[in-house]
Amino acid sequence: MNIEVTGIVGFLVLILDIWAILNIVNAGASMGSKLVWILVILLLPVIGVILWLLFGPRAGRA
C-alpha cells in the first residue's frame, strides 16, 4: 500500500517539523538531547513531532 503525503498536508508537516526543530534548538537541554530529538524528527517527521510533544523537555512550556 502506497501512502503519499502531498499538497497541504505535506506543507503542514513541514511547518510543524521546522517549528519543533527551532524549539528544540532554543531549549535549555543538553546538546546530546537536542541532537537526538532533531534526528527523530528528521527521520520520522509526523511521529517524531508527536513524540516530541508528548515526551520532549517541558522547560519553557506552561
PDB file of N, CA and C in Angstrom:
ATOM      1  N   MET A   1       0.843  -1.167   0.000  1.00  0.00           N
ATOM      2  CA  MET A   1       0.000   0.000   0.000  1.00  0.00           C
ATOM      3  C   MET A   1       0.893   1.236   0.000  1.00  0.00           C
ATOM      4  N   ASN A   2       0.684   2.126  -0.944  1.00  0.00           N
ATOM      5  CA  ASN A   2       1.439   3.369  -1.018  1.00  0.00           C
ATOM      6  C   ASN A   2       0.707   4.473  -0.281  1.00  0.00           C
ATOM      7  N   ILE A   3       1.430   5.139   0.600  1.00  0.00           N
ATOM      8  CA  ILE A   3       0.874   6.290   1.303  1.00  0.00           C
ATOM      9  C   ILE A   3       1.755   7.480   0.965  1.00  0.00           C
ATOM     10  N   GLU A   4       1.170   8.491   0.330  1.00  0.00           N
ATOM     11  CA  GLU A   4       1.914   9.688  -0.038  1.00  0.00           C
ATOM     12  C   GLU A   4       1.345  10.894   0.698  1.00  0.00           C
ATOM     13  N   VAL A   5       2.243  11.706   1.220  1.00  0.00           N
ATOM     14  CA  VAL A   5       1.832  12.941   1.867  1.00  0.00           C
ATOM     15  C   VAL A   5       2.182  14.063   0.904  1.00  0.00           C
ATOM     16  N   THR A   6       1.151  14.669   0.345  1.00  0.00           N
ATOM     17  CA  THR A   6       1.387  15.714  -0.648  1.00  0.00           C
ATOM     18  C   THR A   6       0.501  16.909  -0.364  1.00  0.00           C
ATOM     19  N   GLY A   7       0.752  17.959  -1.098  1.00  0.00           N
ATOM     20  CA  GLY A   7      -0.103  19.134  -1.035  1.00  0.00           C
ATOM     21  C   GLY A   7      -0.081  19.810   0.316  1.00  0.00           C
ATOM     22  N   ILE A   8      -1.260  20.178   0.781  1.00  0.00           N
ATOM     23  CA  ILE A   8      -1.398  20.955   2.005  1.00  0.00           C
ATOM     24  C   ILE A   8      -0.965  20.154   3.231  1.00  0.00           C
ATOM     25  N   VAL A   9      -1.213  18.853   3.238  1.00  0.00           N
ATOM     26  CA  VAL A   9      -0.813  18.020   4.379  1.00  0.00           C
ATOM     27  C   VAL A   9       0.707  17.976   4.488  1.00  0.00           C
ATOM     28  N   GLY A  10       1.381  17.809   3.378  1.00  0.00           N
ATOM     29  CA  GLY A  10       2.838  17.804   3.381  1.00  0.00           C
ATOM     30  C   GLY A  10       3.409  19.135   3.840  1.00  0.00           C
ATOM     31  N   PHE A  11       2.782  20.224   3.406  1.00  0.00           N
ATOM     32  CA  PHE A  11       3.222  21.559   3.811  1.00  0.00           C
ATOM     33  C   PHE A  11       3.035  21.753   5.314  1.00  0.00           C
ATOM     34  N   LEU A  12       1.912  21.293   5.857  1.00  0.00           N
ATOM     35  CA  LEU A  12       1.674  21.402   7.299  1.00  0.00           C
ATOM     36  C   LEU A  12       2.678  20.585   8.104  1.00  0.00           C
ATOM     37  N   VAL A  13       3.012  19.396   7.613  1.00  0.00           N
ATOM     38  CA  VAL A  13       4.020  18.571   8.288  1.00  0.00           C
ATOM     39  C   VAL A  13       5.369  19.276   8.268  1.00  0.00           C
ATOM     40  N   LEU A  14       5.726  19.876   7.147  1.00  0.00           N
ATOM     41  CA  LEU A  14       6.981  20.618   7.045  1.00  0.00           C
ATOM     42  C   LEU A  14       7.017  21.775   8.032  1.00  0.00           C
ATOM     43  N   ILE A  15       5.943  22.540   8.124  1.00  0.00           N
ATOM     44  CA  ILE A  15       5.876  23.670   9.055  1.00  0.00           C
ATOM     45  C   ILE A  15       5.995  23.181  10.497  1.00  0.00           C
ATOM     46  N   LEU A  16       5.293  22.104  10.841  1.00  0.00           N
ATOM     47  CA  LEU A  16       5.379  21.550  12.197  1.00  0.00           C
ATOM     48  C   LEU A  16       6.793  21.082  12.521  1.00  0.00           C
ATOM     49  N   ASP A  17       7.445  20.441  11.562  1.00  0.00           N
ATOM     50  CA  ASP A  17       8.809  19.963  11.775  1.00  0.00           C
ATOM     51  C   ASP A  17       9.774  21.131  12.001  1.00  0.00           C
ATOM     52  N   ILE A  18       9.659  22.162  11.185  1.00  0.00           N
ATOM     53  CA  ILE A  18      10.530  23.331  11.345  1.00  0.00           C
ATOM     54  C   ILE A  18      10.282  23.993  12.692  1.00  0.00           C
ATOM     55  N   TRP A  19       9.019  24.138  13.070  1.00  0.00           N
ATOM     56  CA  TRP A  19       8.670  24.729  14.363  1.00  0.00           C
ATOM     57  C   TRP A  19       9.263  23.917  15.518  1.00  0.00           C
ATOM     58  N   ALA A  20       9.136  22.603  15.450  1.00  0.00           N
ATOM     59  CA  ALA A  20       9.661  21.742  16.513  1.00  0.00           C
ATOM     60  C   ALA A  20      11.183  21.834  16.584  1.00  0.00           C
ATOM     61  N   ILE A  21      11.850  21.815  15.436  1.00  0.00           N
ATOM     62  CA  ILE A  21      13.316  21.887  15.435  1.00  0.00           C
ATOM     63  C   ILE A  21      13.794  23.223  15.992  1.00  0.00           C
ATOM     64  N   LEU A  22      13.132  24.308  15.644  1.00  0.00           N
ATOM     65  CA  LEU A  22      13.508  25.615  16.196  1.00  0.00           C
ATOM     66  C   LEU A  22      13.314  25.657  17.708  1.00  0.00           C
ATOM     67  N   ASN A  23      12.243  25.060  18.193  1.00  0.00           N
ATOM     68  CA  ASN A  23      12.023  24.997  19.642  1.00  0.00           C
ATOM     69  C   ASN A  23      13.069  24.130  20.327  1.00  0.00           C
ATOM     70  N   ILE A  24      13.462  23.057  19.683  1.00  0.00           N
ATOM     71  CA  ILE A  24      14.487  22.188  20.251  1.00  0.00           C
ATOM     72  C   ILE A  24      15.814  22.916  20.329  1.00  0.00           C
ATOM     73  N   VAL A  25      16.189  23.619  19.260  1.00  0.00           N
ATOM     74  CA  VAL A  25      17.462  24.343  19.235  1.00  0.00           C
ATOM     75  C   VAL A  25      17.496  25.410  20.323  1.00  0.00           C
ATOM     76  N   ASN A  26      16.376  26.066  20.587  1.00  0.00           N
ATOM     77  CA  ASN A  26      16.320  27.135  21.579  1.00  0.00           C
ATOM     78  C   ASN A  26      16.091  26.631  23.000  1.00  0.00           C
ATOM     79  N   ALA A  27      15.879  25.324  23.178  1.00  0.00           N
ATOM     80  CA  ALA A  27      15.633  24.756  24.504  1.00  0.00           C
ATOM     81  C   ALA A  27      16.916  24.754  25.328  1.00  0.00           C
ATOM     82  N   GLY A  28      16.752  24.625  26.619  1.00  0.00           N
ATOM     83  CA  GLY A  28      17.892  24.605  27.520  1.00  0.00           C
ATOM     84  C   GLY A  28      18.453  23.215  27.765  1.00  0.00           C
ATOM     85  N   ALA A  29      18.059  22.250  26.978  1.00  0.00           N
ATOM     86  CA  ALA A  29      18.512  20.867  27.164  1.00  0.00           C
ATOM     87  C   ALA A  29      19.961  20.711  26.703  1.00  0.00           C
ATOM     88  N   SER A  30      20.531  19.570  27.024  1.00  0.00           N
ATOM     89  CA  SER A  30      21.911  19.298  26.627  1.00  0.00           C
ATOM     90  C   SER A  30      22.001  19.123  25.112  1.00  0.00           C
ATOM     91  N   MET A  31      23.205  19.299  24.577  1.00  0.00           N
ATOM     92  CA  MET A  31      23.416  19.193  23.137  1.00  0.00           C
ATOM     93  C   MET A  31      23.075  17.786  22.634  1.00  0.00           C
ATOM     94  N   GLY A  32      23.406  16.762  23.413  1.00  0.00           N
ATOM     95  CA  GLY A  32      23.106  15.386  23.018  1.00  0.00           C
ATOM     96  C   GLY A  32      21.614  15.141  22.921  1.00  0.00           C
ATOM     97  N   SER A  33      20.878  15.661  23.885  1.00  0.00           N
ATOM     98  CA  SER A  33      19.424  15.517  23.883  1.00  0.00           C
ATOM     99  C   SER A  33      18.812  16.235  22.686  1.00  0.00           C
ATOM    100  N   LYS A  34      19.298  17.432  22.404  1.00  0.00           N
ATOM    101  CA  LYS A  34      18.808  18.184  21.246  1.00  0.00           C
ATOM    102  C   LYS A  34      19.068  17.414  19.955  1.00  0.00           C
ATOM    103  N   LEU A  35      20.265  16.859  19.827  1.00  0.00           N
ATOM    104  CA  LEU A  35      20.631  16.122  18.621  1.00  0.00           C
ATOM    105  C   LEU A  35      19.728  14.910  18.420  1.00  0.00           C
ATOM    106  N   VAL A  36      19.460  14.185  19.489  1.00  0.00           N
ATOM    107  CA  VAL A  36      18.595  13.005  19.387  1.00  0.00           C
ATOM    108  C   VAL A  36      17.197  13.410  18.933  1.00  0.00           C
ATOM    109  N   TRP A  37      16.629  14.446  19.531  1.00  0.00           N
ATOM    110  CA  TRP A  37      15.286  14.874  19.146  1.00  0.00           C
ATOM    111  C   TRP A  37      15.236  15.356  17.709  1.00  0.00           C
ATOM    112  N   ILE A  38      16.252  16.098  17.281  1.00  0.00           N
ATOM    113  CA  ILE A  38      16.271  16.577  15.895  1.00  0.00           C
ATOM    114  C   ILE A  38      16.357  15.404  14.929  1.00  0.00           C
ATOM    115  N   LEU A  39      17.178  14.414  15.244  1.00  0.00           N
ATOM    116  CA  LEU A  39      17.278  13.227  14.385  1.00  0.00           C
ATOM    117  C   LEU A  39      15.961  12.459  14.319  1.00  0.00           C
ATOM    118  N   VAL A  40      15.283  12.341  15.458  1.00  0.00           N
ATOM    119  CA  VAL A  40      13.990  11.654  15.478  1.00  0.00           C
ATOM    120  C   VAL A  40      12.996  12.375  14.578  1.00  0.00           C
ATOM    121  N   ILE A  41      12.973  13.708  14.653  1.00  0.00           N
ATOM    122  CA  ILE A  41      12.037  14.480  13.833  1.00  0.00           C
ATOM    123  C   ILE A  41      12.399  14.404  12.356  1.00  0.00           C
ATOM    124  N   LEU A  42      13.686  14.411  12.040  1.00  0.00           N
ATOM    125  CA  LEU A  42      14.080  14.335  10.636  1.00  0.00           C
ATOM    126  C   LEU A  42      13.818  12.956  10.035  1.00  0.00           C
ATOM    127  N   LEU A  43      13.995  11.904  10.827  1.00  0.00           N
ATOM    128  CA  LEU A  43      13.803  10.546  10.321  1.00  0.00           C
ATOM    129  C   LEU A  43      12.338  10.113  10.322  1.00  0.00           C
ATOM    130  N   LEU A  44      11.570  10.606  11.297  1.00  0.00           N
ATOM    131  CA  LEU A  44      10.145  10.265  11.418  1.00  0.00           C
ATOM    132  C   LEU A  44       9.349  11.561  11.568  1.00  0.00           C
ATOM    133  N   PRO A  45       9.114  12.274  10.485  1.00  0.00           N
ATOM    134  CA  PRO A  45       8.554  13.624  10.587  1.00  0.00           C
ATOM    135  C   PRO A  45       7.248  13.742  11.375  1.00  0.00           C
ATOM    136  N   VAL A  46       6.272  12.935  11.098  1.00  0.00           N
ATOM    137  CA  VAL A  46       4.983  13.060  11.785  1.00  0.00           C
ATOM    138  C   VAL A  46       5.064  12.463  13.179  1.00  0.00           C
ATOM    139  N   ILE A  47       5.534  11.243  13.276  1.00  0.00           N
ATOM    140  CA  ILE A  47       5.625  10.556  14.560  1.00  0.00           C
ATOM    141  C   ILE A  47       6.630  11.265  15.469  1.00  0.00           C
ATOM    142  N   GLY A  48       7.724  11.772  14.902  1.00  0.00           N
ATOM    143  CA  GLY A  48       8.730  12.472  15.685  1.00  0.00           C
ATOM    144  C   GLY A  48       8.190  13.699  16.375  1.00  0.00           C
ATOM    145  N   VAL A  49       7.385  14.496  15.672  1.00  0.00           N
ATOM    146  CA  VAL A  49       6.786  15.690  16.289  1.00  0.00           C
ATOM    147  C   VAL A  49       5.816  15.289  17.390  1.00  0.00           C
ATOM    148  N   ILE A  50       5.035  14.262  17.147  1.00  0.00           N
ATOM    149  CA  ILE A  50       4.089  13.799  18.169  1.00  0.00           C
ATOM    150  C   ILE A  50       4.835  13.313  19.401  1.00  0.00           C
ATOM    151  N   LEU A  51       5.897  12.518  19.196  1.00  0.00           N
ATOM    152  CA  LEU A  51       6.693  12.042  20.331  1.00  0.00           C
ATOM    153  C   LEU A  51       7.325  13.193  21.083  1.00  0.00           C
ATOM    154  N   TRP A  52       7.838  14.192  20.343  1.00  0.00           N
ATOM    155  CA  TRP A  52       8.459  15.340  20.989  1.00  0.00           C
ATOM    156  C   TRP A  52       7.437  16.115  21.816  1.00  0.00           C
ATOM    157  N   LEU A  53       6.234  16.293  21.274  1.00  0.00           N
ATOM    158  CA  LEU A  53       5.196  16.998  22.023  1.00  0.00           C
ATOM    159  C   LEU A  53       4.816  16.250  23.301  1.00  0.00           C
ATOM    160  N   LEU A  54       4.815  14.918  23.241  1.00  0.00           N
ATOM    161  CA  LEU A  54       4.428  14.119  24.401  1.00  0.00           C
ATOM    162  C   LEU A  54       5.559  13.921  25.404  1.00  0.00           C
ATOM    163  N   PHE A  55       6.779  13.680  24.905  1.00  0.00           N
ATOM    164  CA  PHE A  55       7.869  13.269  25.785  1.00  0.00           C
ATOM    165  C   PHE A  55       9.049  14.226  25.825  1.00  0.00           C
ATOM    166  N   GLY A  56       9.014  15.269  25.026  1.00  0.00           N
ATOM    167  CA  GLY A  56      10.131  16.211  24.976  1.00  0.00           C
ATOM    168  C   GLY A  56      10.254  17.008  26.252  1.00  0.00           C
ATOM    169  N   PRO A  57      11.333  17.750  26.383  1.00  0.00           N
ATOM    170  CA  PRO A  57      11.545  18.545  27.591  1.00  0.00           C
ATOM    171  C   PRO A  57      10.432  19.577  27.781  1.00  0.00           C
ATOM    172  N   ARG A  58      10.044  19.778  29.004  1.00  0.00           N
ATOM    173  CA  ARG A  58       8.942  20.694  29.322  1.00  0.00           C
ATOM    174  C   ARG A  58       9.423  22.085  29.679  1.00  0.00           C
ATOM    175  N   ALA A  59      10.700  22.352  29.646  1.00  0.00           N
ATOM    176  CA  ALA A  59      11.225  23.655  30.031  1.00  0.00           C
ATOM    177  C   ALA A  59      10.671  24.740  29.109  1.00  0.00           C
ATOM    178  N   GLY A  60      10.145  25.784  29.684  1.00  0.00           N
ATOM    179  CA  GLY A  60       9.629  26.898  28.912  1.00  0.00           C
ATOM    180  C   GLY A  60       8.202  26.726  28.438  1.00  0.00           C
ATOM    181  N   ARG A  61       7.598  25.597  28.740  1.00  0.00           N
ATOM    182  CA  ARG A  61       6.205  25.372  28.342  1.00  0.00           C
ATOM    183  C   ARG A  61       5.332  25.377  29.574  1.00  0.00           C
ATOM    184  N   ALA A  62       4.155  25.977  29.483  1.00  0.00           N
ATOM    185  CA  ALA A  62       3.241  26.060  30.629  1.00  0.00           C
ATOM    186  C   ALA A  62       2.445  24.797  30.806  1.00  0.00           C
TER     187      ALA A  62
END
